[in-house]
Amino acid sequence: MIKTVKKIKSEDELRHNLDYWKSKSDSERISAVQDLRDQYISLFNKQDEYNESRKRLRRVCKAVKQK
């Protein structure tokens, strides 16, 4: 195995990251955000706070099916 390092300017990295996420579909981007949220919740032991905020959200927002 050969280890390689590629040096790039920070502006190039930002542009590359933006191009990468622009190439993804909306559902892929939302899924990535949810994965990051799940990692944060488990890493910092925030499950109780997350559950409490979801209860408040359900109380405020109610989805209604229209005919």
C-alpha atoms as a PDB file:
ATOM      1  CA  MET A   1       0.000   0.000   0.000  1.00  0.00           C
ATOM      2  CA  ILE A   2       1.329   3.404  -0.967  1.00  0.00           C
ATOM      3  CA  LYS A   3       0.302   6.388   1.136  1.00  0.00           C
ATOM      4  CA  THR A   4      -0.353   9.576  -0.779  1.00  0.00           C
ATOM      5  CA  VAL A   5      -1.116  13.125   0.294  1.00  0.00           C
ATOM      6  CA  LYS A   6      -2.757  15.710  -1.906  1.00  0.00           C
ATOM      7  CA  LYS A   7      -2.392  19.373  -0.966  1.00  0.00           C
ATOM      8  CA  ILE A   8      -5.096  21.738  -2.151  1.00  0.00           C
ATOM      9  CA  LYS A   9      -6.008  25.317  -1.359  1.00  0.00           C
ATOM     10  CA  SER A  10      -8.903  25.891   0.997  1.00  0.00           C
ATOM     11  CA  GLU A  11     -10.839  27.774  -1.730  1.00  0.00           C
ATOM     12  CA  ASP A  12     -10.522  24.749  -4.007  1.00  0.00           C
ATOM     13  CA  GLU A  13     -11.704  22.473  -1.225  1.00  0.00           C
ATOM     14  CA  LEU A  14     -14.761  24.636  -0.572  1.00  0.00           C
ATOM     15  CA  ARG A  15     -15.641  24.673  -4.263  1.00  0.00           C
ATOM     16  CA  HIS A  16     -15.156  20.902  -4.494  1.00  0.00           C
ATOM     17  CA  ASN A  17     -17.404  20.342  -1.444  1.00  0.00           C
ATOM     18  CA  LEU A  18     -20.081  22.617  -2.869  1.00  0.00           C
ATOM     19  CA  ASP A  19     -19.973  20.851  -6.233  1.00  0.00           C
ATOM     20  CA  TYR A  20     -20.195  17.480  -4.478  1.00  0.00           C
ATOM     21  CA  TRP A  21     -23.318  18.404  -2.509  1.00  0.00           C
ATOM     22  CA  LYS A  22     -24.922  20.103  -5.510  1.00  0.00           C
ATOM     23  CA  SER A  23     -24.576  16.826  -7.411  1.00  0.00           C
ATOM     24  CA  LYS A  24     -26.593  14.965  -4.738  1.00  0.00           C
ATOM     25  CA  SER A  25     -30.372  14.720  -4.808  1.00  0.00           C
ATOM     26  CA  ASP A  26     -32.528  16.420  -2.187  1.00  0.00           C
ATOM     27  CA  SER A  27     -33.271  13.125  -0.460  1.00  0.00           C
ATOM     28  CA  GLU A  28     -29.553  12.248  -0.284  1.00  0.00           C
ATOM     29  CA  ARG A  29     -28.758  15.624   1.294  1.00  0.00           C
ATOM     30  CA  ILE A  30     -31.567  15.287   3.833  1.00  0.00           C
ATOM     31  CA  SER A  31     -30.409  11.770   4.649  1.00  0.00           C
ATOM     32  CA  ALA A  32     -26.854  13.022   5.221  1.00  0.00           C
ATOM     33  CA  VAL A  33     -28.105  15.754   7.574  1.00  0.00           C
ATOM     34  CA  GLN A  34     -30.183  13.218   9.504  1.00  0.00           C
ATOM     35  CA  ASP A  35     -27.150  10.918   9.801  1.00  0.00           C
ATOM     36  CA  LEU A  36     -25.112  13.800  11.229  1.00  0.00           C
ATOM     37  CA  ARG A  37     -27.898  14.634  13.686  1.00  0.00           C
ATOM     38  CA  ASP A  38     -28.037  11.008  14.816  1.00  0.00           C
ATOM     39  CA  GLN A  39     -24.266  10.954  15.312  1.00  0.00           C
ATOM     40  CA  TYR A  40     -24.401  14.169  17.360  1.00  0.00           C
ATOM     41  CA  ILE A  41     -27.247  12.873  19.520  1.00  0.00           C
ATOM     42  CA  SER A  42     -25.478   9.612  20.301  1.00  0.00           C
ATOM     43  CA  LEU A  43     -22.020  11.173  20.723  1.00  0.00           C
ATOM     44  CA  PHE A  44     -23.139  13.825  23.207  1.00  0.00           C
ATOM     45  CA  ASN A  45     -25.849  11.713  24.882  1.00  0.00           C
ATOM     46  CA  LYS A  46     -28.680  14.056  23.866  1.00  0.00           C
ATOM     47  CA  GLN A  47     -31.396  11.425  23.348  1.00  0.00           C
ATOM     48  CA  ASP A  48     -33.624  12.705  26.177  1.00  0.00           C
ATOM     49  CA  GLU A  49     -33.451  16.297  24.933  1.00  0.00           C
ATOM     50  CA  TYR A  50     -34.138  15.153  21.370  1.00  0.00           C
ATOM     51  CA  ASN A  51     -37.199  13.172  22.446  1.00  0.00           C
ATOM     52  CA  GLU A  52     -38.524  16.123  24.438  1.00  0.00           C
ATOM     53  CA  SER A  53     -38.132  18.507  21.510  1.00  0.00           C
ATOM     54  CA  ARG A  54     -39.961  16.062  19.219  1.00  0.00           C
ATOM     55  CA  LYS A  55     -42.889  16.001  21.649  1.00  0.00           C
ATOM     56  CA  ARG A  56     -43.082  19.797  21.566  1.00  0.00           C
ATOM     57  CA  LEU A  57     -42.868  19.809  17.778  1.00  0.00           C
ATOM     58  CA  ARG A  58     -45.740  17.332  17.495  1.00  0.00           C
ATOM     59  CA  ARG A  59     -47.837  19.480  19.802  1.00  0.00           C
ATOM     60  CA  VAL A  60     -47.255  22.600  17.669  1.00  0.00           C
ATOM     61  CA  CYS A  61     -47.373  21.114  14.175  1.00  0.00           C
ATOM     62  CA  LYS A  62     -50.202  18.916  13.036  1.00  0.00           C
ATOM     63  CA  ALA A  63     -50.296  17.444   9.538  1.00  0.00           C
ATOM     64  CA  VAL A  64     -53.745  17.425   7.973  1.00  0.00           C
ATOM     65  CA  LYS A  65     -54.615  15.316   4.973  1.00  0.00           C
ATOM     66  CA  GLN A  66     -56.616  17.334   2.437  1.00  0.00           C
ATOM     67  CA  LYS A  67     -59.237  15.912   0.137  1.00  0.00           C
END
